[in-house]
């Protein structure tokens, strides 16, 4: 379901999924929890969602991802 939602992401719809004021991105946060899942199809869905997120050109959202999920 999360992967399907990620296909709807673009510069016009990102604001339904990422809240710049509260700096919260539940769609992405919940998906990455399954990054190391035992089932390969789940991991593939997480990768697909991640790629769909990265293709959206929204500077605040991309900064959130870099700040919250990048290795130190």
Protein backbone atom coordinates (compact mmCIF):
# COMPACT_ATOMS: atom_id res chain seq x y z
CA UNK A 1 0.00 0.00 0.00
CA UNK A 2 2.79 2.45 0.87
CA UNK A 3 4.53 1.73 -2.42
CA UNK A 4 1.30 2.46 -4.32
CA UNK A 5 0.98 5.81 -2.54
CA UNK A 6 4.55 6.67 -3.47
CA UNK A 7 3.67 6.47 -7.17
CA UNK A 8 1.38 9.47 -6.60
CA UNK A 9 4.24 11.65 -5.35
CA UNK A 10 5.15 14.72 -7.35
CA UNK A 11 5.80 18.39 -6.64
CA UNK A 12 2.06 19.04 -6.36
CA UNK A 13 1.17 16.10 -4.07
CA UNK A 14 4.23 15.92 -1.81
CA UNK A 15 2.59 18.30 0.66
CA UNK A 16 -0.07 15.69 1.41
CA UNK A 17 2.67 13.33 2.63
CA UNK A 18 5.40 15.61 3.98
CA UNK A 19 4.60 18.35 6.49
CA UNK A 20 7.29 21.00 6.29
CA UNK A 21 6.05 22.88 9.38
CA UNK A 22 6.25 19.88 11.71
CA UNK A 23 9.14 18.34 9.77
CA UNK A 24 7.33 15.02 9.53
CA UNK A 25 7.16 12.52 6.66
CA UNK A 26 5.16 9.49 7.90
CA UNK A 27 5.04 7.78 4.50
CA UNK A 28 8.83 7.63 4.30
CA UNK A 29 9.42 7.04 8.02
CA UNK A 30 7.12 4.03 8.13
CA UNK A 31 8.50 2.55 4.92
CA UNK A 32 12.14 2.59 5.96
CA UNK A 33 11.29 0.56 9.06
CA UNK A 34 10.92 -2.39 6.69
CA UNK A 35 14.30 -1.90 4.98
CA UNK A 36 15.77 -5.06 6.54
CA UNK A 37 12.61 -7.18 6.36
CA UNK A 38 13.10 -10.91 5.84
CA UNK A 39 10.91 -10.99 2.71
CA UNK A 40 12.56 -9.75 -0.45
CA UNK A 41 9.30 -8.36 -1.90
CA UNK A 42 8.94 -6.08 1.11
CA UNK A 43 12.52 -4.83 0.70
CA UNK A 44 11.89 -4.22 -3.01
CA UNK A 45 8.77 -2.19 -2.17
CA UNK A 46 10.79 -0.07 0.26
CA UNK A 47 13.44 0.58 -2.39
CA UNK A 48 10.79 1.51 -4.94
CA UNK A 49 9.16 3.91 -2.49
CA UNK A 50 12.54 5.44 -1.68
CA UNK A 51 13.33 6.01 -5.35
CA UNK A 52 9.89 7.56 -5.90
CA UNK A 53 10.53 9.92 -2.99
CA UNK A 54 13.96 10.95 -4.30
CA UNK A 55 12.63 11.82 -7.74
CA UNK A 56 10.41 14.58 -6.29
CA UNK A 57 12.11 17.95 -6.53
CA UNK A 58 11.18 19.44 -3.16
CA UNK A 59 14.14 20.98 -1.35
CA UNK A 60 12.63 20.91 2.16
CA UNK A 61 11.62 17.26 1.86
CA UNK A 62 15.02 16.22 0.49
CA UNK A 63 16.73 18.14 3.31
CA UNK A 64 14.55 16.26 5.81
CA UNK A 65 15.63 12.93 4.33
CA UNK A 66 19.31 13.89 4.37
CA UNK A 67 19.15 15.21 7.93
CA UNK A 68 17.08 12.39 9.42
CA UNK A 69 18.31 9.31 7.61
CA UNK A 70 21.88 9.95 6.45
CA UNK A 71 24.70 8.21 8.25
CA UNK A 72 26.79 10.60 10.37
